[in-house]
Amino acid sequence: MLGEKGSVDVADLALDLGVSEATVRRDLRALANQRLLERAHGGAVSGATELPVRYRSGQAHAEKLRIARAAAERVAEGDVVALTGGTTTLEVARCLAYRGEVSVVTNALNIGAELAVRPNVKLIMTGGVARGVSYELVGPLADATLDKINIDIAFVGVDGIERNAGLTTQNETEAATNRVLIERSRKAIVVADSSKLGRVVFAGIAPVSAISELITDAGADPAEVDRLRTAGLTVTVV
């Protein structure tokens, strides 16, 4: 609920979940201790807290699946495909598992686990330090691996995309690794559900000019889509 709304109220949670307000407050304290939310008067807010990927996987799932199917159509047999971490890129990986022979380069542990058993996929994992929040391997070891690889097409997950701020994410080390991945690719495509459009978060990955296309869903704000298109970006709405 917090991931979907950005804030929650104790009384509303108690009513929706059929529990006492005391139970809700106790659970909010426990989640705050895990840095999964920030307490606020009468409830909680997401604030600057980055919700772990395992708690975001169910958000806008139908939209992410449509985006992933459209993304997979851009991949030709024999391509070297790169995938950053993220819930939408995970859906892209699942779609690629049912296509022809491809090579997949990723720094995401969960994507690697999905594809390691697929006989049609040659899987290349980067090294790096694991971020528990996003399951991504980041840092100099990851960057060094990517520096030696030539990529046909990269699918990039972001926390925000906006005309002036470009592509952004919550963590600066993750942003740096994703930037290297984009630079090593002949073509980079952002896959992002409509909630990411017009949003700007902490760390810059790359300007809009560094990517060739954005694939998003039909819930996208038309004004934000127009702003990106006037910046020269191809925006595909599915």
Protein backbone atom coordinates (compact mmCIF):
# COMPACT_ATOMS: atom_id res chain seq x y z
CA MET A 1 0.00 0.00 0.00
CA LEU A 2 2.82 2.38 0.82
CA GLY A 3 4.50 1.63 -2.49
CA GLU A 4 1.31 2.41 -4.38
CA LYS A 5 0.17 5.50 -2.45
CA GLY A 6 3.33 7.05 -1.04
CA SER A 7 1.74 7.43 2.41
CA VAL A 8 -0.54 5.42 4.68
CA ASP A 9 -2.79 6.25 7.65
CA VAL A 10 -3.03 4.09 10.79
CA ALA A 11 -6.81 4.24 11.00
CA ASP A 12 -7.26 3.43 7.30
CA LEU A 13 -4.81 0.53 7.51
CA ALA A 14 -6.59 -0.92 10.53
CA LEU A 15 -9.91 -0.77 8.69
CA ASP A 16 -8.56 -2.16 5.40
CA LEU A 17 -6.62 -4.99 7.05
CA GLY A 18 -9.17 -5.84 9.74
CA VAL A 19 -6.74 -5.43 12.64
CA SER A 20 -6.41 -3.07 15.59
CA GLU A 21 -4.67 0.28 15.37
CA ALA A 22 -2.22 -0.96 18.00
CA THR A 23 -1.23 -3.80 15.69
CA VAL A 24 -0.73 -1.39 12.80
CA ARG A 25 1.44 0.90 14.93
CA ARG A 26 3.57 -2.02 16.10
CA ASP A 27 4.07 -3.20 12.53
CA LEU A 28 4.93 0.31 11.33
CA ARG A 29 7.55 0.57 14.08
CA ALA A 30 9.04 -2.75 12.99
CA LEU A 31 9.14 -1.67 9.34
CA ALA A 32 10.66 1.68 10.29
CA ASN A 33 13.40 -0.17 12.20
CA GLN A 34 14.16 -2.03 8.96
CA ARG A 35 14.29 1.34 7.14
CA LEU A 36 11.44 0.25 4.87
CA LEU A 37 9.40 3.37 5.66
CA GLU A 38 9.45 6.61 7.64
CA ARG A 39 6.99 7.22 10.46
CA ALA A 40 4.72 10.26 10.19
CA HIS A 41 1.99 11.66 12.43
CA GLY A 42 -0.87 9.18 12.27
CA GLY A 43 0.82 6.88 9.78
CA ALA A 44 3.89 6.50 7.59
CA VAL A 45 5.40 7.78 4.34
CA SER A 46 7.84 6.29 1.86
CA GLY A 47 9.95 9.47 1.85
CA ALA A 48 13.39 8.91 0.38
CA THR A 49 13.37 5.26 1.38
CA GLU A 50 13.99 2.88 -1.52
CA LEU A 51 11.50 0.03 -1.25
CA PRO A 52 13.26 -3.34 -1.82
CA VAL A 53 12.56 -4.92 -5.19
CA ARG A 54 10.79 -7.90 -3.61
CA TYR A 55 8.10 -5.51 -2.33
CA ARG A 56 7.75 -3.74 -5.68
CA SER A 57 7.30 -6.77 -7.93
CA GLY A 58 3.50 -6.73 -7.72
CA GLN A 59 3.08 -3.04 -8.52
CA ALA A 60 1.61 -2.29 -11.97
CA HIS A 61 2.34 -5.88 -12.97
CA ALA A 62 0.01 -5.97 -15.98
CA GLU A 63 1.55 -2.76 -17.32
CA LYS A 64 5.08 -4.03 -16.83
CA LEU A 65 4.23 -7.25 -18.64
CA ARG A 66 2.94 -5.31 -21.67
CA ILE A 67 6.09 -3.18 -21.66
CA ALA A 68 8.26 -6.30 -21.43
CA ARG A 69 6.54 -8.00 -24.35
CA ALA A 70 7.03 -4.93 -26.50
CA ALA A 71 10.69 -4.73 -25.45
CA ALA A 72 11.34 -8.38 -26.31
CA GLU A 73 10.08 -7.73 -29.85
CA ARG A 74 13.09 -5.43 -30.38
CA VAL A 75 15.48 -8.34 -29.86
CA ALA A 76 16.72 -10.39 -32.83
CA GLU A 77 18.06 -13.91 -32.56
CA GLY A 78 21.77 -13.87 -31.75
CA ASP A 79 21.68 -10.41 -30.15
CA VAL A 80 23.73 -9.55 -27.08
CA VAL A 81 21.18 -8.05 -24.69
CA ALA A 82 21.93 -6.18 -21.48
CA LEU A 83 19.49 -5.86 -18.59
CA THR A 84 19.86 -3.62 -15.56
CA GLY A 85 18.10 -4.53 -12.34
CA GLY A 86 14.45 -3.67 -11.78
CA THR A 87 10.99 -5.18 -11.76
CA THR A 88 10.26 -4.25 -15.38
CA THR A 89 13.59 -5.56 -16.68
CA LEU A 90 12.88 -8.79 -14.79
CA GLU A 91 9.72 -9.17 -16.88
CA VAL A 92 11.78 -8.50 -20.03
CA ALA A 93 14.12 -11.33 -18.97
CA ARG A 94 11.18 -13.68 -18.57
CA CYS A 95 9.96 -12.82 -22.06
CA LEU A 96 13.42 -13.40 -23.54
CA ALA A 97 13.46 -16.87 -21.99
CA TYR A 98 10.88 -17.96 -24.57
CA ARG A 99 12.56 -16.44 -27.62
CA GLY A 100 15.45 -17.64 -29.82
CA GLU A 101 19.12 -17.89 -28.98
CA VAL A 102 20.35 -14.74 -27.21
CA SER A 103 23.20 -13.69 -24.97
CA VAL A 104 22.18 -11.74 -21.87
CA VAL A 105 24.53 -9.55 -19.86
CA THR A 106 23.17 -8.48 -16.48
CA ASN A 107 24.30 -7.21 -13.10
CA ALA A 108 21.01 -8.31 -11.46
CA LEU A 109 21.19 -11.47 -9.35
CA ASN A 110 17.46 -12.20 -9.60
CA ILE A 111 17.53 -11.91 -13.39
CA GLY A 112 20.55 -14.20 -13.48
CA ALA A 113 18.68 -16.77 -11.41
CA GLU A 114 15.74 -16.61 -13.83
CA LEU A 115 17.89 -17.12 -16.93
CA ALA A 116 20.63 -19.48 -15.74
CA VAL A 117 18.48 -22.56 -16.43
CA ARG A 118 17.28 -21.43 -19.88
CA PRO A 119 19.05 -23.43 -22.61
CA ASN A 120 18.51 -20.74 -25.26
CA VAL A 121 20.21 -18.04 -23.16
CA LYS A 122 23.94 -17.52 -22.80
CA LEU A 123 24.14 -15.71 -19.47
CA ILE A 124 26.99 -13.33 -18.57
CA MET A 125 26.99 -11.95 -15.02
CA THR A 126 29.10 -9.00 -13.96
CA GLY A 127 31.08 -9.02 -10.77
CA GLY A 128 30.54 -6.33 -8.16
CA VAL A 129 29.15 -5.65 -4.72
CA ALA A 130 25.55 -6.79 -4.20
CA ARG A 131 22.89 -4.25 -3.23
CA GLY A 132 20.29 -6.11 -1.20
CA VAL A 133 17.60 -3.56 -2.01
CA SER A 134 17.80 -4.04 -5.79
CA TYR A 135 19.68 -7.38 -6.16
CA GLU A 136 22.18 -5.54 -8.39
CA LEU A 137 25.94 -6.00 -8.51
CA VAL A 138 27.53 -2.56 -8.68
CA GLY A 139 30.84 -0.74 -8.33
CA PRO A 140 34.27 -0.97 -9.99
CA LEU A 141 34.18 -4.76 -10.47
CA ALA A 142 30.86 -4.55 -12.32
CA ASP A 143 32.09 -1.61 -14.40
CA ALA A 144 35.31 -3.45 -15.30
CA THR A 145 33.33 -6.43 -16.62
CA LEU A 146 31.11 -4.20 -18.76
CA ASP A 147 34.14 -2.36 -20.18
CA LYS A 148 35.16 -5.58 -21.94
CA ILE A 149 31.78 -6.38 -23.51
CA ASN A 150 30.05 -5.07 -26.65
CA ILE A 151 26.26 -4.99 -26.35
CA ASP A 152 23.68 -4.79 -29.14
CA ILE A 153 20.72 -3.59 -27.11
CA ALA A 154 20.31 -2.61 -23.47
CA PHE A 155 17.08 -2.43 -21.50
CA VAL A 156 17.39 0.00 -18.63
CA GLY A 157 15.18 0.24 -15.58
CA VAL A 158 14.92 3.62 -13.86
CA ASP A 159 13.25 5.21 -10.85
CA GLY A 160 12.57 8.38 -12.81
CA ILE A 161 12.79 9.83 -16.31
CA GLU A 162 12.29 13.52 -17.01
CA ARG A 163 13.23 15.69 -19.96
CA ASN A 164 15.75 17.93 -18.17
CA ALA A 165 16.99 15.60 -15.42
CA GLY A 166 17.22 12.59 -17.71
CA LEU A 167 17.36 9.09 -16.24
CA THR A 168 17.64 8.89 -12.44
CA THR A 169 17.77 6.25 -9.73
CA GLN A 170 18.02 6.13 -5.94
CA ASN A 171 21.66 5.08 -5.57
CA GLU A 172 24.73 6.79 -7.01
CA THR A 173 26.83 3.61 -7.34
CA GLU A 174 24.00 1.84 -9.14
CA ALA A 175 23.64 4.87 -11.40
CA ALA A 176 27.33 4.74 -12.33
CA THR A 177 27.18 1.04 -13.28
CA ASN A 178 24.03 1.58 -15.34
CA ARG A 179 25.75 4.47 -17.11
CA VAL A 180 28.63 2.21 -18.16
CA LEU A 181 26.15 -0.38 -19.42
CA ILE A 182 24.44 2.26 -21.60
CA GLU A 183 27.78 3.46 -22.96
CA ARG A 184 28.74 -0.09 -24.00
CA SER A 185 25.48 -0.59 -25.95
CA ARG A 186 24.72 0.22 -29.59
CA LYS A 187 21.14 0.98 -28.57
CA ALA A 188 19.66 1.66 -25.12
CA ILE A 189 15.95 1.52 -24.34
CA VAL A 190 14.33 2.55 -21.08
CA VAL A 191 11.52 0.29 -19.90
CA ALA A 192 9.47 2.11 -17.27
CA ASP A 193 5.87 2.13 -16.14
CA SER A 194 3.98 5.41 -16.28
CA SER A 195 4.61 6.30 -12.62
CA LYS A 196 8.29 6.97 -13.47
CA LEU A 197 7.59 9.67 -16.09
CA GLY A 198 8.23 13.21 -14.87
CA ARG A 199 9.84 11.86 -11.69
CA VAL A 200 13.33 12.92 -10.57
CA VAL A 201 15.21 11.10 -7.80
CA PHE A 202 18.66 11.33 -6.28
CA ALA A 203 21.28 10.01 -8.72
CA GLY A 204 21.61 10.83 -12.40
CA ILE A 205 22.29 7.95 -14.79
CA ALA A 206 22.36 9.65 -18.19
CA PRO A 207 20.61 12.36 -20.21
CA VAL A 208 17.59 11.53 -22.36
CA SER A 209 19.83 11.91 -25.43
CA ALA A 210 21.78 8.79 -24.37
CA ILE A 211 18.85 6.49 -25.10
CA SER A 212 16.94 5.78 -28.30
CA GLU A 213 13.51 4.84 -26.97
CA LEU A 214 11.25 4.76 -23.94
CA ILE A 215 8.62 2.02 -23.66
CA THR A 216 5.90 2.83 -21.14
CA ASP A 217 2.24 2.09 -20.50
CA ALA A 218 -0.99 3.83 -21.46
CA GLY A 219 -1.32 5.46 -18.05
CA ALA A 220 1.48 7.87 -18.91
CA ASP A 221 0.75 11.58 -18.53
CA PRO A 222 0.35 12.89 -22.12
CA ALA A 223 2.12 16.13 -21.20
CA GLU A 224 5.18 14.23 -19.95
CA VAL A 225 5.17 12.05 -23.06
CA ASP A 226 5.06 15.17 -25.25
CA ARG A 227 7.94 16.77 -23.31
CA LEU A 228 10.11 13.71 -23.90
CA ARG A 229 9.17 13.50 -27.57
CA THR A 230 10.01 17.15 -28.15
CA ALA A 231 13.44 16.36 -26.70
CA GLY A 232 13.90 13.95 -29.60
CA LEU A 233 13.12 10.71 -27.76
CA THR A 234 10.97 8.01 -29.32
CA VAL A 235 8.23 7.11 -26.82
CA THR A 236 6.23 3.93 -27.35
CA VAL A 237 3.04 3.59 -25.30
CA VAL A 238 1.61 0.10 -24.86
